[in-house]
Amino acid sequence: MATYPLPKFHFLVQWGGSKVGFTEVTGLDFQVEPIEYREGSSPEYHKIKMPGMHKFSNITLKRGTFTGDIEFYNWMKTISLTNVERRDITISLLNEAHEPVMTWGIKNAFPIKVQASDFKADGNEVAIETLELAHEGMKIVE
């Protein structure tokens, strides 16, 4: 039996019990920043490297614009100085039976940018709005 890589077009985003449909999700990555260190009495004339702090990219979600749906803007309005409504988000890649085969858990996400679609008088595309989220961690949920 042959195995194939998973297609990336069938996915689900959930927050606070709501399932939200998106056309695109980007930014599911993290990296470890290296720390360079050299002890003064080391006989080596170079620094050693060791793992340091984890760094997470912002997550960008895109979806079509719907009449009367201003949920992104309402979430953005919860921000006042250091207070914001944070949400845990789950992003799942689904199989043909609509079951999660890989799931990312996003911790304490909050909006940092909401962008309306651009408009073109001679265009024939769907209006797409964008939400950019900062967060405090990401892990693969098993």
Protein backbone atom coordinates (compact mmCIF):
# COMPACT_ATOMS: atom_id res chain seq x y z
CA MET A 1 0.00 0.00 0.00
CA ALA A 2 1.41 3.37 -1.01
CA THR A 3 1.45 6.30 1.38
CA TYR A 4 1.17 9.87 0.21
CA PRO A 5 1.86 13.24 1.82
CA LEU A 6 -1.17 15.01 3.25
CA PRO A 7 -2.94 17.59 1.07
CA LYS A 8 -2.94 21.07 2.58
CA PHE A 9 -6.32 22.34 1.40
CA HIS A 10 -8.58 20.61 3.98
CA PHE A 11 -8.20 22.22 7.41
CA LEU A 12 -10.19 23.56 10.34
CA VAL A 13 -9.59 26.51 12.71
CA GLN A 14 -11.32 26.57 16.12
CA TRP A 15 -11.33 29.14 18.91
CA GLY A 16 -13.59 29.36 21.91
CA GLY A 17 -15.76 26.52 20.64
CA SER A 18 -16.38 28.26 17.31
CA LYS A 19 -15.36 26.69 14.02
CA VAL A 20 -14.30 29.40 11.60
CA GLY A 21 -13.74 28.87 7.87
CA PHE A 22 -10.55 30.33 6.41
CA THR A 23 -9.00 30.23 2.97
CA GLU A 24 -5.42 30.43 4.20
CA VAL A 25 -3.38 29.93 7.38
CA THR A 26 0.31 30.86 7.50
CA GLY A 27 2.95 31.23 10.20
CA LEU A 28 2.86 27.81 11.84
CA ASP A 29 6.56 27.80 12.60
CA PHE A 30 8.97 28.28 15.47
CA GLN A 31 12.69 28.44 15.87
CA VAL A 32 15.26 28.26 18.64
CA GLU A 33 17.60 31.22 18.92
CA PRO A 34 21.18 30.07 19.49
CA ILE A 35 23.23 31.47 22.37
CA GLU A 36 26.93 32.00 21.68
CA TYR A 37 29.28 31.70 24.62
CA ARG A 38 33.02 31.60 25.17
CA GLU A 39 34.65 31.01 28.52
CA GLY A 40 37.68 33.24 29.08
CA SER A 41 40.06 30.34 29.86
CA SER A 42 38.93 28.19 26.90
CA PRO A 43 41.83 26.94 24.74
CA GLU A 44 39.55 27.21 21.69
CA TYR A 45 39.47 30.53 19.87
CA HIS A 46 35.80 30.37 18.99
CA LYS A 47 32.45 30.49 20.72
CA ILE A 48 30.33 27.46 21.49
CA LYS A 49 26.64 27.48 20.62
CA MET A 50 23.79 26.20 22.70
CA PRO A 51 20.01 26.38 22.40
CA GLY A 52 18.33 29.48 23.74
CA MET A 53 14.84 30.98 23.76
CA HIS A 54 12.07 29.75 21.47
CA LYS A 55 10.73 32.25 18.95
CA PHE A 56 7.31 31.96 17.32
CA SER A 57 6.14 33.65 14.13
CA ASN A 58 2.86 35.53 13.98
CA ILE A 59 -0.02 33.56 12.50
CA THR A 60 -1.96 35.03 9.60
CA LEU A 61 -5.53 33.92 8.86
CA LYS A 62 -7.39 34.91 5.68
CA ARG A 63 -11.05 34.47 4.88
CA GLY A 64 -13.81 35.88 2.70
CA THR A 65 -15.65 39.00 3.83
CA PHE A 66 -19.30 38.41 4.79
CA THR A 67 -22.11 40.91 5.31
CA GLY A 68 -22.44 41.88 8.97
CA ASP A 69 -19.55 39.66 10.16
CA ILE A 70 -17.22 41.94 12.14
CA GLU A 71 -15.88 39.38 14.62
CA PHE A 72 -12.24 40.24 13.82
CA TYR A 73 -12.87 43.94 14.50
CA ASN A 74 -14.78 43.21 17.72
CA TRP A 75 -11.87 41.06 18.97
CA MET A 76 -9.43 43.86 18.08
CA LYS A 77 -11.54 46.33 20.10
CA THR A 78 -10.90 44.29 23.29
CA ILE A 79 -7.33 45.64 23.32
CA SER A 80 -6.70 48.48 25.76
CA LEU A 81 -3.11 49.18 26.78
CA THR A 82 -1.97 45.89 28.39
CA ASN A 83 -5.37 44.19 28.52
CA VAL A 84 -6.59 42.01 25.69
CA GLU A 85 -8.88 39.03 25.26
CA ARG A 86 -6.54 36.11 24.60
CA ARG A 87 -7.75 32.91 23.00
CA ASP A 88 -6.33 29.43 22.59
CA ILE A 89 -6.66 28.35 18.98
CA THR A 90 -6.60 24.89 17.42
CA ILE A 91 -5.66 24.40 13.77
CA SER A 92 -6.22 20.91 12.37
CA LEU A 93 -5.25 19.36 9.07
CA LEU A 94 -8.06 16.98 8.08
CA ASN A 95 -8.24 13.73 6.10
CA GLU A 96 -10.90 12.68 3.58
CA ALA A 97 -13.23 11.62 6.42
CA HIS A 98 -12.96 15.15 7.94
CA GLU A 99 -10.96 13.79 10.90
CA PRO A 100 -7.89 15.62 12.27
CA VAL A 101 -4.64 13.92 11.29
CA MET A 102 -2.35 16.69 12.56
CA THR A 103 -3.27 19.43 15.04
CA TRP A 104 -1.46 22.56 16.18
CA GLY A 105 -2.37 24.14 19.53
CA ILE A 106 -1.79 27.90 19.73
CA LYS A 107 -1.53 29.39 23.24
CA ASN A 108 -2.80 32.85 24.31
CA ALA A 109 -3.30 34.33 20.85
CA PHE A 110 -4.45 37.91 20.38
CA PRO A 111 -4.98 40.09 17.29
CA ILE A 112 -2.33 42.57 16.27
CA LYS A 113 -3.61 43.46 12.80
CA VAL A 114 -6.91 43.33 10.96
CA GLN A 115 -6.87 44.21 7.28
CA ALA A 116 -9.85 44.66 4.98
CA SER A 117 -9.70 43.53 1.38
CA ASP A 118 -8.37 45.78 -1.33
CA PHE A 119 -10.94 46.90 -3.88
CA LYS A 120 -10.69 47.01 -7.69
CA ALA A 121 -13.44 48.28 -9.95
CA ASP A 122 -12.39 45.95 -12.78
CA GLY A 123 -11.64 42.92 -10.58
CA ASN A 124 -13.61 39.70 -10.30
CA GLU A 125 -12.26 38.27 -7.03
CA VAL A 126 -13.79 37.61 -3.64
CA ALA A 127 -13.12 40.22 -0.92
CA ILE A 128 -10.61 38.68 1.51
CA GLU A 129 -9.98 40.00 5.03
CA THR A 130 -6.84 39.21 6.99
CA LEU A 131 -6.25 38.69 10.73
CA GLU A 132 -2.72 38.57 12.13
CA LEU A 133 -2.22 37.02 15.57
CA ALA A 134 0.63 37.13 18.06
CA HIS A 135 0.82 34.24 20.52
CA GLU A 136 2.86 32.74 23.33
CA GLY A 137 3.49 29.25 22.06
CA MET A 138 2.64 26.51 19.63
CA LYS A 139 2.75 22.76 19.97
CA ILE A 140 1.70 19.73 17.98
CA VAL A 141 -1.22 18.09 19.79
CA GLU A 142 -1.16 14.29 19.78
